[in-house]
Every structure is written in C-alpha cells, then in structure tokens.
Amino acid sequence: MTKKLTIGVLLSGSGSNLEAILDACENDDLPVRVAVVVASRPDAYGITRAQQHGIPTLVMNKERYANPLEADTLIVKTLQHHHVEYVVMAGYMRKLTHVLLNSFPQRVLNIHPALLPAFPGAHAIREAFDAGVKVTGVTIHFANEVYDEGPIIAQHALDVRQDETLEILEARIHSVEHVLYPQVLRLLATHDMVITGKKVCVYPKSDAAGSGVSA
C-alpha cells in the first residue's frame, strides 16, 4: 500500500480545489492526507469546507499579520506541527516569502489558470480571454519567490470556443483544475520528481535518475 503523502493546503477563497482534493482522497483512493488548511482571509469559504471534513485550520487576519514575514513564520510553525511534507496552494492570494519557501524547498505547489509563462498574475483568465487566444489552460508548478514562475509539473490545454463567454470559460478552466490537481498529487505520492533547472522529470519511485534536485 502506498504511504499517504501529508499535505497542507493554503487558500484564500471558496476552496473548490480543496474540495476536489478531498473528494479524490475519499472516493478515488488518492494516497494523500490533508493535515491542515491555512486561510489568508477569515471569510474564506474554504475554512467551512475544511471544518466539514474535520481538518484543523489556521485563519490569518491580514490586519493582525500585516507583516508577511511574521505571517509566514506562523504558517511554517503550523505546517511543521502537523508534519506536512508538501504545501499546496489552492487559490492562495498572498505572496509567499523566503521564510516559507526555504522551510519547504521544492515542496510548495501552485496552480494557475493559464498556460504559464503566458498570462501570469491574478487576472489570467480575463487577460487571456481579452487577448483572443485560441488555447489557454491550467498550469501546476513548484513555487519560488518570483510570482507565477517556478518549474512546471503539469499543464492541461483547453481550446477557447468562439462563442463562449468569459464566465463559461472560467467555469471550464476551474473544472480542469479540479481534475488536474488530484492527478498531480497522485504523481507526487507515487513517483519521484527530479528538477533540473526549470525542467521537472517524473520517474517511478524505484527508477529515479538524472541530475538535479529531487522534489
């Protein structure tokens, strides 16, 4: 039996990706355990989702923890207390500092609703839509101190339909996210990921090879 990977999830909003991960854990035998959920806003519905599944939460108040270094120090202590192996950002809208990134080197994942390096930033779906692209999609990557950069783990391309609205495109992209994140977490739990520069290579656990940093 594959050992379950222990993750902590960081979110700021509805927590729909958290729900997709939890559903996969419960219904699809995803070998992952969500040990703790951190919310950057006290009104994030993702807190409720976590509590419904009996998962401990840390709720950050931006006014109280305005200093990002202090905020990340508290988050790191919480993640370490829950023996988290990987940190999974799922709609987390606060930029991480070196305090957290250095505590989990090459172990912080982020999801982005575009095909990076195209359309980084908080308004990626709208910017891609307004640019008239024919193909967009979803990217999951290892996070670093540069916003929406870092080695790419997986991407899923999505054709932009000629007659669809921005709202329909957003819904389709979120549907892709809910499938892709559990797939990547399954890979992370059952394979080795070797990072060489900006490239991520995936190997079966027994056959990891090549130079680079093992994630």
Protein backbone atom coordinates (compact mmCIF):
# COMPACT_ATOMS: atom_id res chain seq x y z
CA MET A 1 0.00 0.00 0.00
CA THR A 2 1.34 3.43 -0.95
CA LYS A 3 2.17 5.62 2.03
CA LYS A 4 -0.09 8.64 2.15
CA LEU A 5 1.52 11.97 1.37
CA THR A 6 0.81 14.56 4.07
CA ILE A 7 -0.02 17.99 2.69
CA GLY A 8 -1.08 21.37 3.98
CA VAL A 9 -3.41 23.45 1.81
CA LEU A 10 -3.23 27.25 1.57
CA LEU A 11 -6.29 29.07 0.25
CA SER A 12 -7.99 32.44 0.18
CA GLY A 13 -11.44 31.82 -1.26
CA SER A 14 -14.11 29.21 -1.83
CA GLY A 15 -11.83 26.21 -1.53
CA SER A 16 -13.22 24.38 -4.55
CA ASN A 17 -9.80 22.86 -5.31
CA LEU A 18 -9.55 21.74 -1.70
CA GLU A 19 -12.93 20.05 -2.07
CA ALA A 20 -11.78 18.32 -5.27
CA ILE A 21 -8.68 17.01 -3.49
CA LEU A 22 -10.70 15.79 -0.52
CA ASP A 23 -13.25 14.12 -2.79
CA ALA A 24 -10.43 12.32 -4.59
CA CYS A 25 -8.97 11.22 -1.24
CA GLU A 26 -12.30 9.79 -0.15
CA ASN A 27 -13.76 8.46 -3.40
CA ASP A 28 -10.79 7.81 -5.67
CA ASP A 29 -8.33 6.43 -3.11
CA LEU A 30 -5.87 9.29 -3.63
CA PRO A 31 -2.89 8.47 -1.36
CA VAL A 32 -2.86 11.92 0.18
CA ARG A 33 -3.85 13.23 3.61
CA VAL A 34 -4.77 16.89 4.12
CA ALA A 35 -3.39 17.58 7.59
CA VAL A 36 -4.20 21.30 7.91
CA VAL A 37 -5.75 24.15 5.94
CA VAL A 38 -4.48 27.73 6.15
CA ALA A 39 -6.74 30.56 5.02
CA SER A 40 -5.45 34.06 4.35
CA ARG A 41 -8.91 35.55 4.97
CA PRO A 42 -11.36 34.85 7.79
CA ASP A 43 -14.31 34.92 5.37
CA ALA A 44 -12.88 32.25 3.03
CA TYR A 45 -15.47 29.51 2.50
CA GLY A 46 -12.62 27.03 2.26
CA ILE A 47 -12.49 27.19 6.07
CA THR A 48 -16.00 25.77 6.23
CA ARG A 49 -15.12 23.02 3.76
CA ALA A 50 -12.13 22.03 5.89
CA GLN A 51 -14.15 22.01 9.09
CA GLN A 52 -16.82 19.84 7.47
CA HIS A 53 -14.13 17.25 6.87
CA GLY A 54 -12.70 17.58 10.38
CA ILE A 55 -9.47 19.20 9.22
CA PRO A 56 -7.68 21.67 11.54
CA THR A 57 -7.50 25.23 10.24
CA LEU A 58 -5.35 28.30 10.73
CA VAL A 59 -7.18 31.51 9.89
CA MET A 60 -4.98 34.51 9.24
CA ASN A 61 -6.13 38.06 9.84
CA LYS A 62 -4.36 40.42 7.42
CA GLU A 63 -4.61 43.35 9.82
CA ARG A 64 -3.06 41.36 12.67
CA TYR A 65 -0.45 39.69 10.47
CA ALA A 66 0.28 42.52 8.06
CA ASN A 67 3.99 41.70 8.07
CA PRO A 68 4.38 38.88 5.52
CA LEU A 69 7.49 37.50 7.24
CA GLU A 70 5.66 37.20 10.55
CA ALA A 71 2.67 35.65 8.81
CA ASP A 72 4.79 33.04 7.04
CA THR A 73 6.67 32.26 10.26
CA LEU A 74 3.38 31.37 11.95
CA ILE A 75 2.25 29.35 8.92
CA VAL A 76 5.53 27.39 8.87
CA LYS A 77 5.20 26.55 12.58
CA THR A 78 1.65 25.33 11.96
CA LEU A 79 2.61 23.22 8.94
CA GLN A 80 5.54 21.68 10.77
CA HIS A 81 3.36 20.95 13.81
CA HIS A 82 1.11 18.90 11.53
CA HIS A 83 4.10 17.12 9.92
CA VAL A 84 3.32 18.49 6.47
CA GLU A 85 5.55 17.18 3.67
CA TYR A 86 4.25 19.34 0.80
CA VAL A 87 2.48 22.68 0.75
CA VAL A 88 -0.34 23.01 -1.79
CA MET A 89 -1.53 26.48 -2.76
CA ALA A 90 -5.13 26.31 -3.95
CA GLY A 91 -6.22 29.83 -4.77
CA TYR A 92 -3.90 31.41 -2.19
CA MET A 93 -3.71 35.11 -2.97
CA ARG A 94 -0.91 36.15 -0.64
CA LYS A 95 2.66 36.05 -1.99
CA LEU A 96 4.93 33.66 -0.14
CA THR A 97 8.23 34.82 1.34
CA HIS A 98 11.56 33.05 1.67
CA VAL A 99 10.57 32.09 5.23
CA LEU A 100 8.07 29.54 3.97
CA LEU A 101 9.77 28.65 0.69
CA ASN A 102 13.10 27.89 2.39
CA SER A 103 11.33 25.78 5.01
CA PHE A 104 9.82 23.60 2.26
CA PRO A 105 12.40 23.75 -0.57
CA GLN A 106 10.93 22.49 -3.86
CA ARG A 107 7.92 21.33 -1.87
CA VAL A 108 5.45 24.14 -2.50
CA LEU A 109 2.95 23.70 -5.34
CA ASN A 110 0.84 26.35 -7.02
CA ILE A 111 -1.98 26.16 -9.55
CA HIS A 112 -2.53 28.86 -12.17
CA PRO A 113 -5.47 29.27 -14.59
CA ALA A 114 -3.39 29.80 -17.75
CA LEU A 115 -0.56 28.13 -19.64
CA LEU A 116 2.47 29.69 -17.99
CA PRO A 117 4.66 31.52 -18.78
CA ALA A 118 1.78 33.22 -20.63
CA PHE A 119 -0.62 35.37 -18.60
CA PRO A 120 0.84 35.33 -15.08
CA GLY A 121 -0.91 37.26 -12.34
CA ALA A 122 -4.27 37.43 -10.63
CA HIS A 123 -6.40 38.10 -13.73
CA ALA A 124 -5.07 35.42 -16.06
CA ILE A 125 -8.39 34.10 -17.34
CA ARG A 126 -9.74 37.52 -18.26
CA GLU A 127 -6.45 38.63 -19.82
CA ALA A 128 -6.23 35.51 -21.97
CA PHE A 129 -9.88 35.89 -22.98
CA ASP A 130 -9.44 39.57 -23.85
CA ALA A 131 -6.30 38.77 -25.84
CA GLY A 132 -8.34 36.48 -28.07
CA VAL A 133 -6.17 33.40 -27.56
CA LYS A 134 -7.39 30.20 -29.15
CA VAL A 135 -5.87 27.96 -26.49
CA THR A 136 -5.48 28.50 -22.75
CA GLY A 137 -5.50 26.11 -19.83
CA VAL A 138 -4.14 25.27 -16.39
CA THR A 139 -0.60 25.01 -15.02
CA ILE A 140 0.65 23.38 -11.83
CA HIS A 141 4.20 24.28 -10.86
CA PHE A 142 6.64 24.42 -7.99
CA ALA A 143 6.55 27.89 -6.48
CA ASN A 144 9.52 30.17 -5.93
CA GLU A 145 9.92 33.82 -4.92
CA VAL A 146 9.00 35.05 -8.41
CA TYR A 147 5.23 35.25 -8.81
CA ASP A 148 3.85 32.50 -11.10
CA GLU A 149 7.28 31.26 -12.10
CA GLY A 150 8.97 28.07 -10.93
CA PRO A 151 9.41 24.67 -12.62
CA ILE A 152 6.28 23.40 -14.35
CA ILE A 153 4.97 19.99 -13.25
CA ALA A 154 1.90 19.66 -15.46
CA GLN A 155 -0.27 21.60 -17.89
CA HIS A 156 -3.65 20.95 -19.46
CA ALA A 157 -4.58 22.88 -22.60
CA LEU A 158 -8.12 24.00 -23.31
CA ASP A 159 -9.46 25.28 -26.63
CA VAL A 160 -11.26 28.60 -26.31
CA ARG A 161 -14.60 28.27 -28.07
CA GLN A 162 -15.55 31.03 -30.46
CA ASP A 163 -18.97 31.71 -28.96
CA GLU A 164 -18.31 31.25 -25.25
CA THR A 165 -18.44 34.00 -22.62
CA LEU A 166 -15.78 34.77 -20.07
CA GLU A 167 -17.95 33.19 -17.37
CA ILE A 168 -18.26 29.93 -19.30
CA LEU A 169 -14.51 29.84 -19.92
CA GLU A 170 -13.84 30.42 -16.22
CA ALA A 171 -16.13 27.53 -15.29
CA ARG A 172 -14.43 25.21 -17.78
CA ILE A 173 -10.97 26.14 -16.50
CA HIS A 174 -11.99 25.51 -12.90
CA SER A 175 -13.35 22.11 -13.92
CA VAL A 176 -9.94 21.27 -15.37
CA GLU A 177 -8.24 22.43 -12.15
CA HIS A 178 -10.40 20.07 -10.09
CA VAL A 179 -9.19 17.11 -12.16
CA LEU A 180 -5.55 18.12 -12.66
CA TYR A 181 -4.62 18.88 -9.05
CA PRO A 182 -5.53 15.40 -7.72
CA GLN A 183 -3.70 13.85 -10.69
CA VAL A 184 -0.53 15.79 -9.87
CA LEU A 185 -0.79 14.93 -6.18
CA ARG A 186 -1.13 11.25 -7.08
CA LEU A 187 2.06 11.54 -9.15
CA LEU A 188 3.79 13.28 -6.26
CA ALA A 189 2.80 10.49 -3.86
CA THR A 190 3.77 7.61 -6.14
CA HIS A 191 6.71 8.93 -8.19
CA ASP A 192 9.94 10.86 -7.82
CA MET A 193 10.17 14.30 -9.38
CA VAL A 194 13.66 15.45 -10.35
CA ILE A 195 14.13 19.15 -11.00
CA THR A 196 16.93 20.25 -13.32
CA GLY A 197 16.88 23.99 -13.88
CA LYS A 198 13.30 24.73 -14.88
CA LYS A 199 12.50 21.20 -16.02
CA VAL A 200 10.64 18.62 -13.94
CA CYS A 201 11.11 14.95 -14.84
CA VAL A 202 8.87 12.28 -13.33
CA TYR A 203 10.16 8.75 -12.63
CA PRO A 204 8.73 5.67 -10.92
CA LYS A 205 9.89 5.53 -7.31
CA SER A 206 12.39 2.76 -7.97
CA ASP A 207 13.85 4.28 -11.15
CA ALA A 208 14.56 7.92 -10.31
CA ALA A 209 17.55 9.03 -12.35
CA GLY A 210 19.34 12.03 -13.68
CA SER A 211 20.92 15.08 -12.17
CA GLY A 212 19.07 17.80 -10.35
CA VAL A 213 17.18 18.30 -7.14
CA SER A 214 14.75 15.61 -6.11
CA ALA A 215 11.48 17.19 -5.03
